[in-house]
Amino acid sequence: VVCKSVKNIDFDNQSITIDDMSFALRTSADRAFIRLEAAAEQTCKLFYKGIAFSGDVSIVDISEVSVKISISALPPGMKIDTEVKISLYLNIDSKNISILTDARVYRVDENINSYYLVLLFELDKKSRDNVKTYLVARQMELIREFKKLNIM
């Protein structure tokens, strides 16, 4: 289920009220690569037509071949198949890693206060290894978070 708006979260009754939802055409099981929510301290810059967008851009989730970013305003002319550059700043084991790569807009989702852009890219071996290392570390972080919540 793809939900574009959360109206209310009721912690006492453990319920959530959503709006503007639809069923995804593909399931997560169809994916060849794991996609994980990025930690809050991971940042990025989007470059489109020579203009850098950074302050209003954040990483939502990331995989070895794609990244979903949130951006407050869609740059004029940006649509599916638009070529962009993305610079990802990942913190891996207390080291800051910067990855700059060409990407293509795969999907544009409009939300109430922002847009989600899904960008596809092909990384060189070193960058791909860095993303894999980040994903493994992030998986362990998420597992620890779930264990603290007694979900597992």
N, C-alpha and C. Protein backbone atom coordinates (compact mmCIF):
# COMPACT_ATOMS: atom_id res chain seq x y z
N VAL A 1 0.85 -1.17 0.00
CA VAL A 1 0.00 0.00 0.00
C VAL A 1 0.89 1.23 0.00
N VAL A 2 0.63 2.16 -0.91
CA VAL A 2 1.35 3.42 -0.97
C VAL A 2 0.44 4.48 -0.37
N CYS A 3 0.93 5.13 0.67
CA CYS A 3 0.14 6.15 1.37
C CYS A 3 0.83 7.49 1.22
N LYS A 4 0.11 8.48 0.75
CA LYS A 4 0.71 9.80 0.53
C LYS A 4 0.45 10.75 1.69
N SER A 5 -0.44 10.39 2.60
CA SER A 5 -0.78 11.31 3.68
C SER A 5 -1.16 10.54 4.94
N VAL A 6 -0.54 10.90 6.06
CA VAL A 6 -0.92 10.36 7.36
C VAL A 6 -1.73 11.44 8.06
N LYS A 7 -3.00 11.16 8.36
CA LYS A 7 -3.86 12.15 8.99
C LYS A 7 -3.68 12.18 10.51
N ASN A 8 -3.54 10.99 11.11
CA ASN A 8 -3.47 10.94 12.57
C ASN A 8 -2.78 9.66 13.02
N ILE A 9 -1.98 9.78 14.09
CA ILE A 9 -1.38 8.62 14.73
C ILE A 9 -1.87 8.61 16.18
N ASP A 10 -2.56 7.55 16.56
CA ASP A 10 -3.09 7.41 17.92
C ASP A 10 -2.29 6.32 18.63
N PHE A 11 -1.31 6.74 19.44
CA PHE A 11 -0.45 5.79 20.13
C PHE A 11 -1.22 5.00 21.19
N ASP A 12 -2.20 5.63 21.83
CA ASP A 12 -2.96 4.94 22.88
C ASP A 12 -3.73 3.74 22.32
N ASN A 13 -4.35 3.93 21.18
CA ASN A 13 -5.13 2.85 20.56
C ASN A 13 -4.35 2.09 19.50
N GLN A 14 -3.09 2.43 19.34
CA GLN A 14 -2.22 1.80 18.35
C GLN A 14 -2.87 1.75 16.97
N SER A 15 -3.31 2.95 16.54
CA SER A 15 -3.94 3.03 15.22
C SER A 15 -3.40 4.24 14.47
N ILE A 16 -3.57 4.17 13.16
CA ILE A 16 -3.13 5.24 12.29
C ILE A 16 -4.23 5.49 11.27
N THR A 17 -4.51 6.76 10.99
CA THR A 17 -5.50 7.14 10.00
C THR A 17 -4.75 7.71 8.81
N ILE A 18 -5.01 7.13 7.62
CA ILE A 18 -4.30 7.55 6.43
C ILE A 18 -5.27 8.08 5.40
N ASP A 19 -4.71 8.79 4.42
CA ASP A 19 -5.51 9.37 3.36
C ASP A 19 -4.74 9.23 2.04
N ASP A 20 -5.45 9.26 0.95
CA ASP A 20 -4.84 9.23 -0.38
C ASP A 20 -3.91 8.03 -0.53
N MET A 21 -4.49 6.84 -0.51
CA MET A 21 -3.68 5.62 -0.62
C MET A 21 -4.04 4.86 -1.87
N SER A 22 -3.10 3.99 -2.29
CA SER A 22 -3.32 3.12 -3.44
C SER A 22 -2.46 1.88 -3.25
N PHE A 23 -2.73 0.87 -4.04
CA PHE A 23 -1.94 -0.34 -3.99
C PHE A 23 -0.79 -0.24 -4.98
N ALA A 24 0.39 -0.61 -4.54
CA ALA A 24 1.57 -0.58 -5.41
C ALA A 24 1.43 -1.66 -6.48
N LEU A 25 1.94 -1.35 -7.66
CA LEU A 25 1.87 -2.32 -8.75
C LEU A 25 2.84 -3.47 -8.54
N ARG A 26 3.94 -3.20 -7.83
CA ARG A 26 4.95 -4.22 -7.57
C ARG A 26 5.07 -4.41 -6.07
N THR A 27 5.45 -5.59 -5.68
CA THR A 27 5.66 -5.86 -4.27
C THR A 27 7.15 -5.77 -3.96
N SER A 28 7.48 -5.66 -2.68
CA SER A 28 8.89 -5.61 -2.31
C SER A 28 9.60 -6.92 -2.64
N ALA A 29 8.84 -8.02 -2.72
CA ALA A 29 9.43 -9.32 -3.07
C ALA A 29 9.90 -9.35 -4.53
N ASP A 30 9.34 -8.46 -5.36
CA ASP A 30 9.74 -8.38 -6.77
C ASP A 30 11.11 -7.73 -6.94
N ARG A 31 11.59 -7.06 -5.92
CA ARG A 31 12.84 -6.31 -6.04
C ARG A 31 14.05 -7.23 -6.02
N ALA A 32 15.03 -6.87 -6.82
CA ALA A 32 16.28 -7.63 -6.84
C ALA A 32 17.25 -7.15 -5.77
N PHE A 33 17.04 -5.92 -5.29
CA PHE A 33 17.96 -5.32 -4.30
C PHE A 33 17.16 -4.81 -3.10
N ILE A 34 17.73 -5.02 -1.93
CA ILE A 34 17.09 -4.55 -0.71
C ILE A 34 17.12 -3.03 -0.67
N ARG A 35 16.05 -2.44 -0.20
CA ARG A 35 15.94 -0.99 -0.08
C ARG A 35 15.63 -0.68 1.38
N LEU A 36 16.43 0.18 2.00
CA LEU A 36 16.26 0.49 3.42
C LEU A 36 16.08 1.98 3.65
N GLU A 37 15.29 2.29 4.66
CA GLU A 37 15.14 3.68 5.08
C GLU A 37 16.50 4.17 5.56
N ALA A 38 16.89 5.33 5.11
CA ALA A 38 18.19 5.90 5.49
C ALA A 38 18.08 6.52 6.88
N ALA A 39 19.19 6.50 7.60
CA ALA A 39 19.26 7.17 8.90
C ALA A 39 19.18 8.68 8.67
N ALA A 40 18.70 9.39 9.66
CA ALA A 40 18.45 10.83 9.52
C ALA A 40 19.68 11.64 9.16
N GLU A 41 20.86 11.21 9.60
CA GLU A 41 22.07 12.02 9.36
C GLU A 41 22.63 11.86 7.94
N GLN A 42 22.06 11.00 7.13
CA GLN A 42 22.52 10.83 5.74
C GLN A 42 21.93 11.96 4.91
N THR A 43 22.75 12.60 4.10
CA THR A 43 22.28 13.74 3.32
C THR A 43 22.62 13.55 1.84
N CYS A 44 22.10 14.46 1.02
CA CYS A 44 22.36 14.40 -0.41
C CYS A 44 22.16 15.75 -1.05
N LYS A 45 22.67 15.87 -2.27
CA LYS A 45 22.43 17.03 -3.13
C LYS A 45 21.97 16.50 -4.47
N LEU A 46 21.02 17.18 -5.05
CA LEU A 46 20.52 16.86 -6.38
C LEU A 46 20.99 17.96 -7.33
N PHE A 47 21.54 17.58 -8.47
CA PHE A 47 21.99 18.53 -9.47
C PHE A 47 21.15 18.34 -10.73
N TYR A 48 20.51 19.42 -11.16
CA TYR A 48 19.65 19.37 -12.34
C TYR A 48 19.88 20.64 -13.16
N LYS A 49 20.27 20.46 -14.41
CA LYS A 49 20.57 21.57 -15.32
C LYS A 49 21.58 22.54 -14.70
N GLY A 50 22.60 21.97 -14.04
CA GLY A 50 23.67 22.78 -13.47
C GLY A 50 23.33 23.47 -12.16
N ILE A 51 22.15 23.23 -11.62
CA ILE A 51 21.73 23.86 -10.36
C ILE A 51 21.73 22.80 -9.26
N ALA A 52 22.34 23.15 -8.11
CA ALA A 52 22.39 22.23 -6.98
C ALA A 52 21.20 22.49 -6.05
N PHE A 53 20.50 21.42 -5.71
CA PHE A 53 19.42 21.48 -4.73
C PHE A 53 19.89 20.68 -3.52
N SER A 54 20.05 21.33 -2.36
CA SER A 54 20.57 20.59 -1.21
C SER A 54 19.76 20.82 0.06
N GLY A 55 19.42 22.07 0.37
CA GLY A 55 18.77 22.37 1.65
C GLY A 55 17.43 21.70 1.84
N ASP A 56 16.70 21.53 0.77
CA ASP A 56 15.36 20.95 0.86
C ASP A 56 15.29 19.53 0.33
N VAL A 57 16.45 18.85 0.29
CA VAL A 57 16.53 17.50 -0.25
C VAL A 57 17.02 16.55 0.84
N SER A 58 16.36 15.41 0.98
CA SER A 58 16.82 14.41 1.95
C SER A 58 16.61 13.00 1.40
N ILE A 59 17.41 12.07 1.91
CA ILE A 59 17.31 10.66 1.49
C ILE A 59 16.19 9.99 2.28
N VAL A 60 15.26 9.38 1.56
CA VAL A 60 14.18 8.62 2.20
C VAL A 60 14.61 7.17 2.36
N ASP A 61 15.00 6.55 1.24
CA ASP A 61 15.54 5.19 1.30
C ASP A 61 16.57 5.00 0.20
N ILE A 62 17.32 3.91 0.32
CA ILE A 62 18.46 3.70 -0.58
C ILE A 62 18.67 2.21 -0.83
N SER A 63 19.14 1.89 -2.04
CA SER A 63 19.54 0.53 -2.38
C SER A 63 20.84 0.62 -3.17
N GLU A 64 21.31 -0.51 -3.66
CA GLU A 64 22.54 -0.53 -4.46
C GLU A 64 22.36 0.11 -5.83
N VAL A 65 21.10 0.24 -6.28
CA VAL A 65 20.85 0.73 -7.63
C VAL A 65 19.91 1.93 -7.68
N SER A 66 19.42 2.37 -6.52
CA SER A 66 18.47 3.48 -6.53
C SER A 66 18.46 4.21 -5.19
N VAL A 67 17.87 5.39 -5.24
CA VAL A 67 17.66 6.17 -4.03
C VAL A 67 16.33 6.90 -4.18
N LYS A 68 15.57 6.95 -3.09
CA LYS A 68 14.36 7.77 -3.08
C LYS A 68 14.69 8.98 -2.25
N ILE A 69 14.47 10.17 -2.83
CA ILE A 69 14.74 11.40 -2.10
C ILE A 69 13.44 12.19 -1.94
N SER A 70 13.42 13.01 -0.92
CA SER A 70 12.32 13.94 -0.70
C SER A 70 12.82 15.32 -1.06
N ILE A 71 12.01 16.07 -1.79
CA ILE A 71 12.37 17.42 -2.19
C ILE A 71 11.13 18.28 -2.05
N SER A 72 11.29 19.49 -1.49
CA SER A 72 10.12 20.32 -1.19
C SER A 72 9.43 20.86 -2.44
N ALA A 73 10.18 21.12 -3.49
CA ALA A 73 9.58 21.62 -4.73
C ALA A 73 10.23 20.91 -5.91
N LEU A 74 9.43 20.54 -6.86
CA LEU A 74 9.93 19.87 -8.05
C LEU A 74 10.54 20.90 -9.00
N PRO A 75 11.80 20.71 -9.38
CA PRO A 75 12.41 21.66 -10.32
C PRO A 75 11.63 21.69 -11.64
N PRO A 76 11.47 22.88 -12.22
CA PRO A 76 10.71 22.99 -13.48
C PRO A 76 11.30 22.09 -14.57
N GLY A 77 10.42 21.35 -15.24
CA GLY A 77 10.84 20.49 -16.34
C GLY A 77 11.25 19.09 -15.92
N MET A 78 11.35 18.83 -14.61
CA MET A 78 11.76 17.50 -14.16
C MET A 78 10.59 16.54 -14.30
N LYS A 79 10.87 15.39 -14.94
CA LYS A 79 9.84 14.37 -15.14
C LYS A 79 10.53 13.02 -15.24
N ILE A 80 9.77 11.97 -15.45
CA ILE A 80 10.32 10.62 -15.60
C ILE A 80 11.31 10.61 -16.76
N ASP A 81 12.42 9.90 -16.55
CA ASP A 81 13.53 9.74 -17.51
C ASP A 81 14.45 10.96 -17.60
N THR A 82 14.24 11.98 -16.78
CA THR A 82 15.14 13.13 -16.74
C THR A 82 16.49 12.68 -16.18
N GLU A 83 17.57 13.14 -16.80
CA GLU A 83 18.92 12.84 -16.33
C GLU A 83 19.34 13.89 -15.29
N VAL A 84 19.87 13.42 -14.16
CA VAL A 84 20.32 14.29 -13.07
C VAL A 84 21.64 13.75 -12.54
N LYS A 85 22.23 14.49 -11.64
CA LYS A 85 23.37 13.99 -10.85
C LYS A 85 22.91 14.01 -9.40
N ILE A 86 23.38 13.02 -8.65
CA ILE A 86 23.07 12.94 -7.22
C ILE A 86 24.37 12.75 -6.46
N SER A 87 24.51 13.50 -5.40
CA SER A 87 25.65 13.35 -4.51
C SER A 87 25.12 12.86 -3.17
N LEU A 88 25.55 11.68 -2.77
CA LEU A 88 25.10 11.07 -1.51
C LEU A 88 26.22 11.19 -0.48
N TYR A 89 25.85 11.57 0.73
CA TYR A 89 26.81 11.67 1.83
C TYR A 89 26.38 10.68 2.89
N LEU A 90 27.11 9.57 2.99
CA LEU A 90 26.76 8.49 3.91
C LEU A 90 27.79 8.40 5.02
N ASN A 91 27.31 8.17 6.22
CA ASN A 91 28.18 7.96 7.37
C ASN A 91 28.29 6.46 7.59
N ILE A 92 29.50 5.92 7.35
CA ILE A 92 29.72 4.48 7.49
C ILE A 92 30.81 4.28 8.52
N ASP A 93 30.44 3.68 9.66
CA ASP A 93 31.40 3.42 10.74
C ASP A 93 32.20 4.67 11.10
N SER A 94 31.50 5.76 11.33
CA SER A 94 32.08 7.06 11.71
C SER A 94 32.95 7.69 10.62
N LYS A 95 32.86 7.19 9.39
CA LYS A 95 33.55 7.79 8.25
C LYS A 95 32.50 8.37 7.32
N ASN A 96 32.74 9.58 6.84
CA ASN A 96 31.84 10.20 5.88
C ASN A 96 32.28 9.83 4.47
N ILE A 97 31.39 9.21 3.73
CA ILE A 97 31.66 8.79 2.36
C ILE A 97 30.81 9.64 1.42
N SER A 98 31.41 10.16 0.37
CA SER A 98 30.70 10.94 -0.63
C SER A 98 30.67 10.16 -1.94
N ILE A 99 29.48 10.04 -2.52
CA ILE A 99 29.30 9.34 -3.79
C ILE A 99 28.59 10.29 -4.74
N LEU A 100 29.22 10.60 -5.86
CA LEU A 100 28.62 11.43 -6.90
C LEU A 100 28.40 10.56 -8.13
N THR A 101 27.16 10.54 -8.63
CA THR A 101 26.87 9.68 -9.78
C THR A 101 25.75 10.27 -10.63
N ASP A 102 25.74 9.88 -11.89
CA ASP A 102 24.62 10.21 -12.78
C ASP A 102 23.45 9.33 -12.40
N ALA A 103 22.25 9.86 -12.57
CA ALA A 103 21.05 9.11 -12.25
C ALA A 103 19.94 9.50 -13.22
N ARG A 104 18.90 8.69 -13.22
CA ARG A 104 17.74 8.92 -14.07
C ARG A 104 16.50 8.88 -13.20
N VAL A 105 15.58 9.82 -13.41
CA VAL A 105 14.33 9.84 -12.64
C VAL A 105 13.46 8.67 -13.10
N TYR A 106 13.17 7.78 -12.17
CA TYR A 106 12.36 6.60 -12.46
C TYR A 106 10.89 6.86 -12.12
N ARG A 107 10.66 7.57 -11.00
CA ARG A 107 9.29 7.81 -10.54
C ARG A 107 9.23 9.15 -9.81
N VAL A 108 8.10 9.84 -9.94
CA VAL A 108 7.84 11.08 -9.22
C VAL A 108 6.53 10.90 -8.47
N ASP A 109 6.56 11.03 -7.14
CA ASP A 109 5.35 10.93 -6.32
C ASP A 109 5.11 12.29 -5.67
N GLU A 110 3.90 12.80 -5.84
CA GLU A 110 3.54 14.07 -5.23
C GLU A 110 2.91 13.82 -3.87
N ASN A 111 3.43 14.47 -2.84
CA ASN A 111 2.88 14.40 -1.49
C ASN A 111 2.27 15.76 -1.16
N ILE A 112 1.71 15.89 0.02
CA ILE A 112 1.06 17.14 0.39
C ILE A 112 2.06 18.30 0.45
N ASN A 113 3.22 18.07 1.11
CA ASN A 113 4.20 19.15 1.29
C ASN A 113 5.52 18.92 0.58
N SER A 114 5.61 17.87 -0.22
CA SER A 114 6.88 17.56 -0.86
C SER A 114 6.65 16.62 -2.05
N TYR A 115 7.75 16.27 -2.69
CA TYR A 115 7.75 15.28 -3.76
C TYR A 115 8.76 14.21 -3.39
N TYR A 116 8.48 12.97 -3.80
CA TYR A 116 9.46 11.91 -3.72
C TYR A 116 9.94 11.64 -5.15
N LEU A 117 11.26 11.59 -5.31
CA LEU A 117 11.85 11.20 -6.58
C LEU A 117 12.58 9.90 -6.38
N VAL A 118 12.28 8.90 -7.19
CA VAL A 118 13.04 7.66 -7.19
C VAL A 118 14.02 7.78 -8.34
N LEU A 119 15.32 7.70 -7.99
CA LEU A 119 16.39 7.86 -8.97
C LEU A 119 17.12 6.54 -9.14
N LEU A 120 17.33 6.12 -10.38
CA LEU A 120 18.10 4.91 -10.68
C LEU A 120 19.51 5.31 -11.09
N PHE A 121 20.50 4.52 -10.65
CA PHE A 121 21.88 4.82 -11.00
C PHE A 121 22.68 3.54 -11.10
N GLU A 122 23.86 3.64 -11.74
CA GLU A 122 24.83 2.54 -11.79
C GLU A 122 26.11 3.06 -11.16
N LEU A 123 26.54 2.41 -10.10
CA LEU A 123 27.73 2.84 -9.36
C LEU A 123 28.96 2.07 -9.80
N ASP A 124 30.13 2.71 -9.66
CA ASP A 124 31.37 1.98 -9.87
C ASP A 124 31.55 1.01 -8.70
N LYS A 125 32.49 0.10 -8.80
CA LYS A 125 32.67 -0.95 -7.79
C LYS A 125 32.90 -0.39 -6.40
N LYS A 126 33.76 0.61 -6.26
CA LYS A 126 34.06 1.17 -4.94
C LYS A 126 32.82 1.80 -4.31
N SER A 127 32.08 2.58 -5.09
CA SER A 127 30.87 3.23 -4.57
C SER A 127 29.81 2.20 -4.22
N ARG A 128 29.67 1.18 -5.07
CA ARG A 128 28.68 0.13 -4.80
C ARG A 128 29.05 -0.62 -3.52
N ASP A 129 30.35 -0.90 -3.33
CA ASP A 129 30.79 -1.56 -2.10
C ASP A 129 30.51 -0.68 -0.88
N ASN A 130 30.69 0.64 -1.02
CA ASN A 130 30.37 1.56 0.08
C ASN A 130 28.89 1.53 0.42
N VAL A 131 28.04 1.52 -0.60
CA VAL A 131 26.60 1.46 -0.36
C VAL A 131 26.23 0.13 0.29
N LYS A 132 26.82 -0.97 -0.18
CA LYS A 132 26.56 -2.28 0.44
C LYS A 132 26.96 -2.27 1.91
N THR A 133 28.12 -1.70 2.21
CA THR A 133 28.58 -1.61 3.60
C THR A 133 27.60 -0.79 4.43
N TYR A 134 27.13 0.32 3.87
CA TYR A 134 26.15 1.15 4.57
C TYR A 134 24.86 0.37 4.82
N LEU A 135 24.38 -0.36 3.82
CA LEU A 135 23.14 -1.11 3.96
C LEU A 135 23.24 -2.19 5.04
N VAL A 136 24.38 -2.88 5.10
CA VAL A 136 24.57 -3.90 6.14
C VAL A 136 24.55 -3.25 7.52
N ALA A 137 25.26 -2.14 7.67
CA ALA A 137 25.29 -1.44 8.95
C ALA A 137 23.89 -0.92 9.31
N ARG A 138 23.17 -0.42 8.33
CA ARG A 138 21.82 0.11 8.57
C ARG A 138 20.85 -1.01 8.96
N GLN A 139 20.99 -2.18 8.33
CA GLN A 139 20.16 -3.32 8.70
C GLN A 139 20.35 -3.65 10.18
N MET A 140 21.60 -3.66 10.62
CA MET A 140 21.88 -3.98 12.03
C MET A 140 21.28 -2.91 12.95
N GLU A 141 21.36 -1.64 12.56
CA GLU A 141 20.75 -0.56 13.35
C GLU A 141 19.25 -0.77 13.48
N LEU A 142 18.60 -1.10 12.35
CA LEU A 142 17.15 -1.29 12.37
C LEU A 142 16.76 -2.49 13.21
N ILE A 143 17.53 -3.56 13.13
CA ILE A 143 17.25 -4.75 13.96
C ILE A 143 17.34 -4.39 15.43
N ARG A 144 18.38 -3.63 15.80
CA ARG A 144 18.51 -3.21 17.21
C ARG A 144 17.33 -2.33 17.63
N GLU A 145 16.89 -1.43 16.74
CA GLU A 145 15.73 -0.59 17.05
C GLU A 145 14.49 -1.44 17.27
N PHE A 146 14.26 -2.43 16.40
CA PHE A 146 13.09 -3.29 16.54
C PHE A 146 13.14 -4.09 17.84
N LYS A 147 14.32 -4.58 18.18
CA LYS A 147 14.46 -5.35 19.41
C LYS A 147 14.13 -4.50 20.64
N LYS A 148 14.52 -3.23 20.62
CA LYS A 148 14.20 -2.32 21.73
C LYS A 148 12.70 -2.13 21.87
N LEU A 149 11.99 -2.21 20.74
CA LEU A 149 10.53 -2.04 20.75
C LEU A 149 9.81 -3.36 21.07
N ASN A 150 10.57 -4.44 21.24
CA ASN A 150 10.01 -5.78 21.47
C ASN A 150 9.08 -6.22 20.34
N ILE A 151 9.42 -5.83 19.13
CA ILE A 151 8.63 -6.24 17.96
C ILE A 151 9.09 -7.62 17.49
N MET A 152 10.36 -7.92 17.65
CA MET A 152 10.89 -9.18 17.13
C MET A 152 10.76 -10.28 18.15
